[in-house]
Protein backbone atom coordinates (compact mmCIF):
# COMPACT_ATOMS: atom_id res chain seq x y z
CA MET A 1 32.68 -84.98 121.57
CA ARG A 2 32.05 -84.45 117.85
CA GLU A 3 33.02 -81.39 115.85
CA VAL A 4 31.16 -80.22 112.80
CA THR A 5 31.56 -77.21 110.65
CA ALA A 6 28.81 -74.54 110.61
CA SER A 7 27.88 -75.54 106.99
CA GLU A 8 27.49 -79.17 107.91
CA ALA A 9 25.46 -78.32 110.99
CA SER A 10 23.17 -76.27 108.81
CA ARG A 11 22.80 -78.99 106.21
CA ASN A 12 22.13 -81.80 108.71
CA PHE A 13 20.47 -79.85 111.66
CA SER A 14 17.77 -82.47 112.16
CA MET A 15 20.35 -85.35 112.40
CA LEU A 16 22.49 -83.12 114.63
CA LEU A 17 19.62 -82.62 117.09
CA SER A 18 18.96 -86.37 117.06
CA SER A 19 22.57 -86.96 118.18
CA VAL A 20 22.18 -84.37 120.96
CA ASP A 21 18.91 -85.94 121.94
CA ARG A 22 20.85 -89.32 122.43
CA GLY A 23 23.20 -87.45 124.72
CA GLU A 24 26.09 -86.43 122.51
CA THR A 25 27.71 -82.99 122.66
CA VAL A 26 28.59 -81.36 119.42
CA VAL A 27 31.02 -78.50 118.90
CA VAL A 28 30.29 -76.33 115.80
CA THR A 29 33.35 -74.63 114.17
CA ARG A 30 33.72 -71.84 111.54
CA ALA A 31 36.94 -71.43 109.84
CA GLY A 32 38.60 -73.87 112.21
CA ARG A 33 37.50 -71.86 115.19
CA ARG A 34 35.02 -73.18 117.86
CA ILE A 35 31.90 -70.97 117.82
CA ALA A 36 29.20 -73.08 119.65
CA THR A 37 28.52 -76.04 121.63
CA ILE A 38 25.30 -77.96 121.35
CA ALA A 39 24.62 -80.17 124.41
CA PRO A 40 21.61 -81.96 125.82
CA ALA A 41 19.33 -79.65 127.82
CA SER A 42 18.94 -79.99 131.51
CA PRO A 43 15.82 -82.04 132.28
CA SER A 44 14.79 -79.70 135.04
CA ASN A 45 12.23 -77.01 134.37
CA GLY A 46 12.36 -75.44 137.79
CA ALA A 47 9.94 -77.98 139.52
CA ALA A 48 12.77 -79.34 141.71
CA PHE A 49 13.79 -75.81 142.67
CA ASN A 50 10.27 -74.83 143.63
CA GLU A 51 9.94 -77.98 145.68
CA VAL A 52 13.09 -77.07 147.69
CA ILE A 53 11.84 -73.51 148.20
CA ASP A 54 8.50 -74.82 149.45
CA LYS A 55 10.27 -77.05 151.98
CA TRP A 56 12.43 -74.14 153.20
CA ARG A 57 9.44 -71.79 153.32
CA LYS A 58 7.56 -74.19 155.62
CA SER A 59 10.52 -74.55 157.91
CA GLU A 60 10.15 -72.62 161.25
CA SER A 61 13.90 -72.47 161.77
CA LEU A 62 14.47 -70.18 158.96
CA GLY A 63 12.29 -67.40 160.39
CA GLU A 64 9.71 -64.95 159.00
CA ALA A 65 12.14 -62.72 157.22
CA PHE A 66 13.21 -65.73 154.95
CA ASN A 67 9.60 -66.44 154.26
CA ASP A 68 8.88 -62.99 153.38
CA GLN A 69 11.80 -62.85 150.94
CA MET A 70 10.61 -66.04 149.32
CA ALA A 71 7.19 -64.74 148.96
CA ALA A 72 8.51 -61.62 147.29
CA ALA A 73 10.72 -63.55 144.95
CA ARG A 74 7.85 -65.72 143.86
CA ALA A 75 5.68 -62.79 143.26
CA ALA A 76 8.29 -61.26 141.09
CA ALA A 77 8.45 -64.27 138.89
CA THR A 78 5.82 -64.64 136.25
CA ALA A 79 4.46 -67.80 134.52
CA SER A 80 5.83 -66.72 131.17
CA GLU A 81 9.41 -66.51 132.71
CA ASP A 82 9.07 -70.09 133.94
CA SER A 83 7.87 -71.51 130.52
CA ASP A 84 9.65 -72.91 127.51
CA PRO A 85 9.67 -70.17 124.86
CA TRP A 86 10.14 -72.89 122.12
CA SER A 87 7.17 -75.06 122.88
CA ASP A 88 3.96 -74.63 120.93
């Protein structure tokens, strides 16, 4: 794990992101104190979770109450909550 100062991170942010993209975790410090950790993002976007929920929902052993709760949870979630706010 590499440590960089906040000033260095600011000056070299693109290179810092390239390092993180290659799997490196970088700790950012200010005045010698750790203030942030930049690490690779999880590759999951919720699709795996939705797949598991679908399998559970279809299982008869879990009962109707579970199915109803899952339906309510899905209805409460919106497409905007399950999207990447940084993608254009």
